[in-house]
Amino acid sequence: MKIGIVGLPNVGKSTLFNSITKAGAECANYPFCTIEPNVGMVTVPDERVDKLAQIYNPQKVTYATIEFVDIAGLVKGASKGEGLGNKFLSHIREVDSIVHVVRCFEDENIAHVDGSVDPVRDIETINLELCLADLETIEKRLERAKKSLKADKKFQNEIDLLEKIKIGLESGIPARNIELNDEEKEIIKTSFLLTLKPILYVGNISENEIEDPDSNPNLVKLKEYAKKESSEVIPLCVKIEEELSGLDKDDKQEMLEALGLSESGLDKLIKASYKLLGLMSFLTAGEPEVRAWTIKVGTKAPNAAGKIHSDIERGFIRAEVISFDDLMKSGGSMVTAKEKGLVRSEGKDYVMQDGDIVLFRFNV
């Protein structure tokens, strides 16, 4: 699953990417420094894995991971090929969700492509280009659907839906903000619309605003905008996150405490990105390995077992399950948990829950 980091040039995208992945993508104070997308695998912070590792002292500890893609900065006219528009649009089409970095800090030494800081204008610049690109996609599909209607009347539903989305896009409304029922979502998902991808915003603020982010009026505007479309905003200072990412665990903790923070903005962002993709983790624990396994929300036990090995899915008998919280209430002892009746035996129809600790029973 890929998450694309997007935004206008010079908003801190590549610096954020470097901080998340420590991949060393080139960063500079001029547009289009990022041309080909940089890609990095990121570990999802999980305190549950940390705790289980303390209990089992395993030979190996494995966290869930997601992939971040740093995509070139977009400018007005991208949908018509301006700047690196065509490349930008093709790269964003390949990701599953979007982290939109929005500049909220003021700094006369760092150029803004539009000459001033205005988070809502910046978001709408990108939204407009994505809407225009999606309009082209919708119009092509609409043309095909109308031709097919002559042979099969069932295409009328698709035409009605496409017209509905077209009206929204022409008004600058991203497809994700257009109310669709389950049937409509199923029809449109094969169009791979850019504006249908789930999104969260990063408000890049200055160092002196870390303790009180809402003192930044630009961040407040961003939050008000995001609230209207039920999107999340993660405020962070990219400059500080870059510094934190270069520290060892103890020094990082010391700096966070000095800043009055319980966790870094990056950790919050990575966790939020994981949820944005509709992902969650189940856990396996023992002396050989403590591991978080990534599955989609709503996955049933046999399919989850298949993440470990296809043979376990094929031979699935049952899953012995305890929630992480219940294990902690039992002092981390599986024996105590069983005595309390907290370990459950679940069958093929069991829908996995985030934080389930599981032992799968199966026939070879």
Protein backbone atom coordinates (compact mmCIF):
# COMPACT_ATOMS: atom_id res chain seq x y z
CA MET A 1 0.00 0.00 0.00
CA LYS A 2 1.47 3.34 -1.07
CA ILE A 3 0.91 6.81 0.37
CA GLY A 4 1.83 9.76 -1.84
CA ILE A 5 3.24 12.92 -0.22
CA VAL A 6 2.02 15.86 -2.31
CA GLY A 7 1.91 19.64 -2.15
CA LEU A 8 3.08 22.78 -3.90
CA PRO A 9 6.86 23.30 -4.35
CA ASN A 10 8.79 24.47 -1.27
CA VAL A 11 6.24 23.41 1.37
CA GLY A 12 8.54 20.85 3.04
CA LYS A 13 7.51 17.63 1.25
CA SER A 14 10.97 16.23 0.63
CA THR A 15 12.27 17.26 4.05
CA LEU A 16 9.28 15.47 5.59
CA PHE A 17 9.96 12.41 3.43
CA ASN A 18 13.61 12.41 4.51
CA SER A 19 12.57 12.62 8.15
CA ILE A 20 10.11 9.73 7.80
CA THR A 21 12.33 7.41 5.83
CA LYS A 22 15.84 8.81 6.45
CA ALA A 23 16.29 8.13 2.74
CA GLY A 24 18.20 11.29 1.91
CA ALA A 25 16.02 12.62 -0.91
CA GLU A 26 17.42 15.85 -2.39
CA CYS A 27 15.96 18.98 -0.79
CA ALA A 28 16.46 22.54 -2.01
CA ASN A 29 14.75 25.92 -2.01
CA TYR A 30 13.61 25.89 -5.63
CA PRO A 31 10.66 24.37 -7.50
CA PHE A 32 10.78 20.88 -9.03
CA CYS A 33 13.78 19.70 -7.03
CA THR A 34 11.89 16.39 -6.78
CA ILE A 35 11.29 15.11 -10.30
CA GLU A 36 11.24 11.32 -10.13
CA PRO A 37 9.38 10.17 -7.01
CA ASN A 38 11.46 8.94 -4.08
CA VAL A 39 10.09 5.82 -2.40
CA GLY A 40 10.73 4.62 1.15
CA MET A 41 9.41 1.87 3.42
CA VAL A 42 8.38 3.14 6.85
CA THR A 43 7.96 1.25 10.11
CA VAL A 44 4.61 1.86 11.83
CA PRO A 45 5.28 2.71 15.51
CA ASP A 46 3.39 0.27 17.74
CA GLU A 47 3.68 0.36 21.54
CA ARG A 48 1.96 -3.05 21.68
CA VAL A 49 4.83 -4.67 19.78
CA ASP A 50 7.30 -2.95 22.11
CA LYS A 51 5.49 -4.29 25.17
CA LEU A 52 5.21 -7.85 23.81
CA ALA A 53 8.93 -7.78 22.99
CA GLN A 54 9.65 -6.92 26.63
CA ILE A 55 7.51 -9.87 27.77
CA TYR A 56 8.74 -12.55 25.33
CA ASN A 57 12.32 -11.33 24.73
CA PRO A 58 12.11 -12.73 21.17
CA GLN A 59 14.95 -13.40 18.74
CA LYS A 60 13.27 -11.11 16.23
CA VAL A 61 10.85 -8.15 16.36
CA THR A 62 8.95 -7.13 13.21
CA TYR A 63 6.75 -4.04 12.90
CA ALA A 64 4.13 -3.29 10.26
CA THR A 65 5.35 -1.17 7.36
CA ILE A 66 3.85 1.15 4.76
CA GLU A 67 5.35 2.77 1.69
CA PHE A 68 5.68 6.54 1.28
CA VAL A 69 6.23 8.17 -2.10
CA ASP A 70 7.60 11.72 -2.38
CA ILE A 71 5.96 13.21 -5.49
CA ALA A 72 7.10 16.29 -7.44
CA GLY A 73 5.59 19.65 -6.47
CA LEU A 74 2.53 20.66 -8.48
CA VAL A 75 1.72 24.09 -9.94
CA LYS A 76 -1.25 25.73 -11.64
CA GLY A 77 -1.83 24.26 -15.08
CA ALA A 78 -0.50 20.81 -14.16
CA SER A 79 -3.58 19.16 -15.67
CA LYS A 80 -2.56 20.78 -18.97
CA GLY A 81 1.05 19.68 -18.61
CA GLU A 82 2.48 22.79 -16.91
CA GLY A 83 5.61 22.28 -14.81
CA LEU A 84 5.89 18.55 -14.25
CA GLY A 85 2.12 18.19 -14.39
CA ASN A 86 1.81 15.03 -16.44
CA LYS A 87 4.46 13.25 -14.39
CA PHE A 88 2.89 14.43 -11.15
CA LEU A 89 -0.53 13.14 -12.16
CA SER A 90 0.77 9.76 -13.31
CA HIS A 91 2.69 9.29 -10.06
CA ILE A 92 -0.25 10.25 -7.87
CA ARG A 93 -2.48 7.85 -9.81
CA GLU A 94 -0.30 4.99 -8.58
CA VAL A 95 -0.71 5.64 -4.84
CA ASP A 96 -3.54 4.44 -2.59
CA SER A 97 -3.96 7.57 -0.47
CA ILE A 98 -2.55 11.08 -0.14
CA VAL A 99 -0.72 13.06 2.51
CA HIS A 100 -1.04 16.70 1.45
CA VAL A 101 1.68 18.89 2.99
CA VAL A 102 0.46 22.46 3.40
CA ARG A 103 2.71 25.36 4.32
CA CYS A 104 1.43 27.23 7.36
CA PHE A 105 4.67 28.89 8.50
CA GLU A 106 5.86 32.36 7.49
CA ASP A 107 9.50 32.71 6.37
CA GLU A 108 10.64 35.38 3.93
CA ASN A 109 13.82 33.37 3.22
CA ILE A 110 11.85 30.46 1.73
CA ALA A 111 10.10 31.34 -1.52
CA HIS A 112 6.42 30.52 -2.05
CA VAL A 113 5.38 29.88 -5.65
CA ASP A 114 2.41 32.25 -5.25
CA GLY A 115 4.31 34.89 -3.27
CA SER A 116 2.38 34.51 0.01
CA VAL A 117 1.23 31.87 2.51
CA ASP A 118 -2.43 30.89 2.21
CA PRO A 119 -3.19 27.23 3.05
CA VAL A 120 -6.75 27.19 1.66
CA ARG A 121 -5.64 28.73 -1.66
CA ASP A 122 -2.79 26.20 -1.88
CA ILE A 123 -5.13 23.25 -1.27
CA GLU A 124 -7.60 24.55 -3.83
CA THR A 125 -4.79 24.96 -6.39
CA ILE A 126 -4.00 21.26 -6.15
CA ASN A 127 -7.65 20.22 -5.88
CA LEU A 128 -8.47 22.17 -9.04
CA GLU A 129 -5.73 20.45 -11.04
CA LEU A 130 -6.80 17.01 -9.78
CA CYS A 131 -10.46 17.81 -10.50
CA LEU A 132 -9.57 18.89 -14.05
CA ALA A 133 -7.61 15.68 -14.62
CA ASP A 134 -10.54 13.62 -13.24
CA LEU A 135 -12.97 15.52 -15.45
CA GLU A 136 -11.06 14.32 -18.47
CA THR A 137 -11.29 10.74 -17.19
CA ILE A 138 -15.02 11.07 -16.45
CA GLU A 139 -15.81 12.58 -19.84
CA LYS A 140 -14.06 9.73 -21.67
CA ARG A 141 -15.91 7.12 -19.61
CA LEU A 142 -19.20 8.98 -20.09
CA GLU A 143 -18.72 8.90 -23.84
CA ARG A 144 -18.14 5.12 -23.75
CA ALA A 145 -21.13 4.53 -21.45
CA LYS A 146 -23.47 6.49 -23.75
CA LYS A 147 -22.37 4.39 -26.73
CA SER A 148 -22.92 1.18 -24.72
CA LEU A 149 -26.38 2.34 -23.62
CA LYS A 150 -27.72 1.67 -27.13
CA ALA A 151 -27.00 -2.03 -26.66
CA ASP A 152 -27.70 -2.36 -22.92
CA LYS A 153 -29.98 -0.16 -20.78
CA LYS A 154 -28.09 -1.08 -17.59
CA PHE A 155 -25.50 1.57 -18.48
CA GLN A 156 -28.05 4.27 -17.55
CA ASN A 157 -27.08 3.92 -13.87
CA GLU A 158 -23.44 4.46 -14.74
CA ILE A 159 -24.29 7.50 -16.89
CA ASP A 160 -26.35 9.03 -14.07
CA LEU A 161 -23.45 8.52 -11.66
CA LEU A 162 -20.86 9.95 -14.04
CA GLU A 163 -23.03 13.03 -14.66
CA LYS A 164 -23.39 13.49 -10.91
CA ILE A 165 -19.61 13.33 -10.36
CA LYS A 166 -18.96 15.56 -13.38
CA ILE A 167 -21.17 18.31 -11.92
CA GLY A 168 -19.23 18.11 -8.66
CA LEU A 169 -15.82 18.19 -10.34
CA GLU A 170 -16.83 21.16 -12.50
CA SER A 171 -17.62 22.99 -9.24
CA GLY A 172 -14.20 22.09 -7.84
CA ILE A 173 -15.57 19.42 -5.49
CA PRO A 174 -13.26 16.37 -5.19
CA ALA A 175 -15.00 13.04 -5.85
CA ARG A 176 -14.33 11.89 -2.26
CA ASN A 177 -16.55 14.76 -1.05
CA ILE A 178 -19.49 13.76 -3.27
CA GLU A 179 -22.04 11.64 -1.43
CA LEU A 180 -22.13 8.17 -3.01
CA ASN A 181 -23.95 5.01 -1.98
CA ASP A 182 -22.24 1.59 -1.91
CA GLU A 183 -23.41 0.68 -5.41
CA GLU A 184 -22.11 3.97 -6.82
CA LYS A 185 -18.76 3.51 -5.06
CA GLU A 186 -18.43 0.06 -6.62
CA ILE A 187 -19.16 1.43 -10.11
CA ILE A 188 -16.73 4.34 -9.90
CA LYS A 189 -13.77 2.66 -8.19
CA THR A 190 -12.53 1.20 -11.50
CA SER A 191 -12.05 4.75 -12.84
CA PHE A 192 -9.16 5.31 -10.40
CA LEU A 193 -10.07 8.96 -9.90
CA LEU A 194 -7.35 11.08 -8.30
CA THR A 195 -9.82 13.01 -6.13
CA LEU A 196 -11.43 9.80 -4.86
CA LYS A 197 -8.30 8.86 -2.93
CA PRO A 198 -8.52 9.32 0.87
CA ILE A 199 -6.50 12.28 2.14
CA LEU A 200 -5.01 13.74 5.30
CA TYR A 201 -3.27 17.08 5.69
CA VAL A 202 0.04 17.98 7.30
CA GLY A 203 0.16 21.57 8.52
CA ASN A 204 3.84 22.57 8.44
CA ILE A 205 4.27 25.13 11.23
CA SER A 206 7.31 26.97 12.63
CA GLU A 207 9.47 25.87 15.57
CA ASN A 208 8.10 28.46 18.01
CA GLU A 209 4.52 27.24 17.43
CA ILE A 210 5.08 23.61 18.47
CA GLU A 211 3.76 24.02 22.02
CA ASP A 212 0.64 25.85 20.85
CA PRO A 213 -0.05 24.97 17.20
CA ASP A 214 -3.42 26.71 17.17
CA SER A 215 -1.67 30.03 17.74
CA ASN A 216 -0.87 29.80 14.01
CA PRO A 217 -3.83 31.41 12.16
CA ASN A 218 -2.92 29.57 8.94
CA LEU A 219 -3.19 26.21 10.74
CA VAL A 220 -6.58 27.20 12.13
CA LYS A 221 -7.75 27.96 8.55
CA LEU A 222 -6.44 24.59 7.40
CA LYS A 223 -8.30 22.78 10.19
CA GLU A 224 -11.54 24.59 9.38
CA TYR A 225 -11.19 23.59 5.72
CA ALA A 226 -10.38 19.95 6.55
CA LYS A 227 -13.28 19.70 8.99
CA LYS A 228 -15.74 20.42 6.17
CA GLU A 229 -14.58 17.31 4.33
CA SER A 230 -14.05 15.21 7.49
CA SER A 231 -10.30 14.97 6.90
CA GLU A 232 -7.63 14.85 9.58
CA VAL A 233 -4.90 17.47 10.09
CA ILE A 234 -1.54 16.61 11.66
CA PRO A 235 0.30 19.78 12.74
CA LEU A 236 4.07 19.43 12.85
CA CYS A 237 7.26 21.38 12.26
CA VAL A 238 9.11 19.61 9.47
CA LYS A 239 12.37 21.28 10.53
CA ILE A 240 12.14 19.86 14.06
CA GLU A 241 11.03 16.44 12.81
CA GLU A 242 14.11 16.34 10.59
CA GLU A 243 16.27 17.03 13.63
CA LEU A 244 14.46 14.41 15.76
CA SER A 245 14.85 11.77 13.06
CA GLY A 246 18.64 12.03 13.29
CA LEU A 247 18.76 11.34 17.04
CA ASP A 248 19.07 8.02 18.87
CA LYS A 249 16.15 6.83 21.01
CA ASP A 250 17.28 8.41 24.31
CA ASP A 251 18.23 11.77 22.81
CA LYS A 252 14.99 11.85 20.85
CA GLN A 253 12.97 11.23 24.02
CA GLU A 254 14.90 13.96 25.84
CA MET A 255 14.21 16.45 23.04
CA LEU A 256 10.51 15.54 22.92
CA GLU A 257 10.22 16.11 26.68
CA ALA A 258 12.00 19.46 26.33
CA LEU A 259 9.46 20.41 23.65
CA GLY A 260 6.55 19.26 25.85
CA LEU A 261 5.54 16.51 23.41
CA SER A 262 4.49 12.94 24.21
CA GLU A 263 5.40 11.68 20.71
CA SER A 264 6.80 13.10 17.51
CA GLY A 265 4.59 14.54 14.82
CA LEU A 266 5.98 11.92 12.44
CA ASP A 267 4.83 9.05 14.64
CA LYS A 268 1.35 10.58 14.69
CA LEU A 269 1.47 11.00 10.91
CA ILE A 270 2.58 7.42 10.23
CA LYS A 271 -0.14 5.98 12.50
CA ALA A 272 -2.78 8.23 10.91
CA SER A 273 -1.58 7.25 7.42
CA TYR A 274 -1.92 3.55 8.32
CA LYS A 275 -5.53 4.12 9.38
CA LEU A 276 -6.19 6.27 6.30
CA LEU A 277 -5.43 3.22 4.17
CA GLY A 278 -8.04 1.23 6.11
CA LEU A 279 -5.32 -0.94 7.63
CA MET A 280 -4.87 -2.44 11.06
CA SER A 281 -2.54 -4.96 12.74
CA PHE A 282 -2.98 -8.30 14.41
CA LEU A 283 -0.11 -9.66 16.46
CA THR A 284 1.71 -12.94 16.92
CA ALA A 285 4.02 -13.41 19.89
CA GLY A 286 6.52 -16.00 21.04
CA GLU A 287 10.24 -16.46 21.69
CA PRO A 288 11.16 -16.81 17.99
CA GLU A 289 9.39 -13.58 16.94
CA VAL A 290 7.00 -10.84 18.00
CA ARG A 291 5.34 -9.47 14.88
CA ALA A 292 2.64 -7.07 13.69
CA TRP A 293 0.81 -8.30 10.58
CA THR A 294 -0.95 -5.83 8.31
CA ILE A 295 -4.52 -6.57 7.19
CA LYS A 296 -7.47 -4.58 5.89
CA VAL A 297 -10.15 -3.60 8.42
CA GLY A 298 -12.92 -6.23 8.17
CA THR A 299 -10.61 -9.16 7.32
CA LYS A 300 -11.82 -12.57 8.54
CA ALA A 301 -9.61 -14.99 10.48
CA PRO A 302 -8.73 -17.42 7.63
CA ASN A 303 -7.65 -14.56 5.34
CA ALA A 304 -5.56 -13.11 8.18
CA ALA A 305 -3.95 -16.54 8.63
CA GLY A 306 -3.07 -16.46 4.93
CA LYS A 307 -0.91 -13.39 5.60
CA ILE A 308 1.39 -15.67 7.59
CA HIS A 309 1.28 -18.59 5.13
CA SER A 310 -1.15 -19.81 2.48
CA ASP A 311 -1.01 -23.34 4.02
CA ILE A 312 -2.42 -21.94 7.30
CA GLU A 313 -5.34 -20.38 5.42
CA ARG A 314 -6.07 -23.58 3.49
CA GLY A 315 -5.90 -25.78 6.59
CA PHE A 316 -7.54 -23.28 8.97
CA ILE A 317 -9.33 -24.92 11.93
CA ARG A 318 -9.69 -22.10 14.44
CA ALA A 319 -7.98 -19.04 15.87
CA GLU A 320 -7.09 -18.73 19.54
CA VAL A 321 -7.49 -15.02 20.20
CA ILE A 322 -6.90 -12.59 23.04
CA SER A 323 -6.95 -8.82 22.79
CA PHE A 324 -3.73 -7.00 23.67
CA ASP A 325 -5.53 -5.10 26.45
CA ASP A 326 -6.82 -8.33 28.02
CA LEU A 327 -3.34 -9.84 27.99
CA MET A 328 -1.98 -6.74 29.73
CA LYS A 329 -4.77 -7.02 32.36
CA SER A 330 -3.46 -10.53 32.98
CA GLY A 331 0.03 -9.23 33.69
CA GLY A 332 1.25 -10.28 30.25
CA SER A 333 0.80 -13.96 31.15
CA MET A 334 -1.04 -16.15 28.65
CA VAL A 335 -1.47 -18.80 31.37
CA THR A 336 -3.24 -16.30 33.65
CA ALA A 337 -5.34 -15.05 30.73
CA LYS A 338 -6.51 -18.61 29.97
CA GLU A 339 -7.38 -19.18 33.63
CA LYS A 340 -9.52 -16.02 33.50
CA GLY A 341 -11.25 -17.25 30.33
CA LEU A 342 -9.93 -14.33 28.27
CA VAL A 343 -8.52 -16.47 25.44
CA ARG A 344 -11.28 -17.15 22.90
CA SER A 345 -11.62 -19.84 20.25
CA GLU A 346 -12.87 -18.24 17.03
CA GLY A 347 -13.99 -19.84 13.76
CA LYS A 348 -13.92 -19.01 10.06
CA ASP A 349 -16.44 -16.16 10.31
CA TYR A 350 -14.55 -14.23 12.99
CA VAL A 351 -13.71 -10.67 11.89
CA MET A 352 -10.27 -9.72 13.15
CA GLN A 353 -9.91 -6.75 15.49
CA ASP A 354 -6.99 -4.34 15.75
CA GLY A 355 -4.56 -5.58 18.41
CA ASP A 356 -5.74 -9.19 18.44
CA ILE A 357 -2.97 -11.55 19.55
CA VAL A 358 -3.55 -14.78 17.65
CA LEU A 359 -2.43 -18.39 17.48
CA PHE A 360 -3.87 -20.13 14.40
CA ARG A 361 -4.66 -23.85 14.55
CA PHE A 362 -4.59 -25.61 11.19
CA ASN A 363 -4.27 -28.94 9.40
CA VAL A 364 -1.10 -29.46 7.37
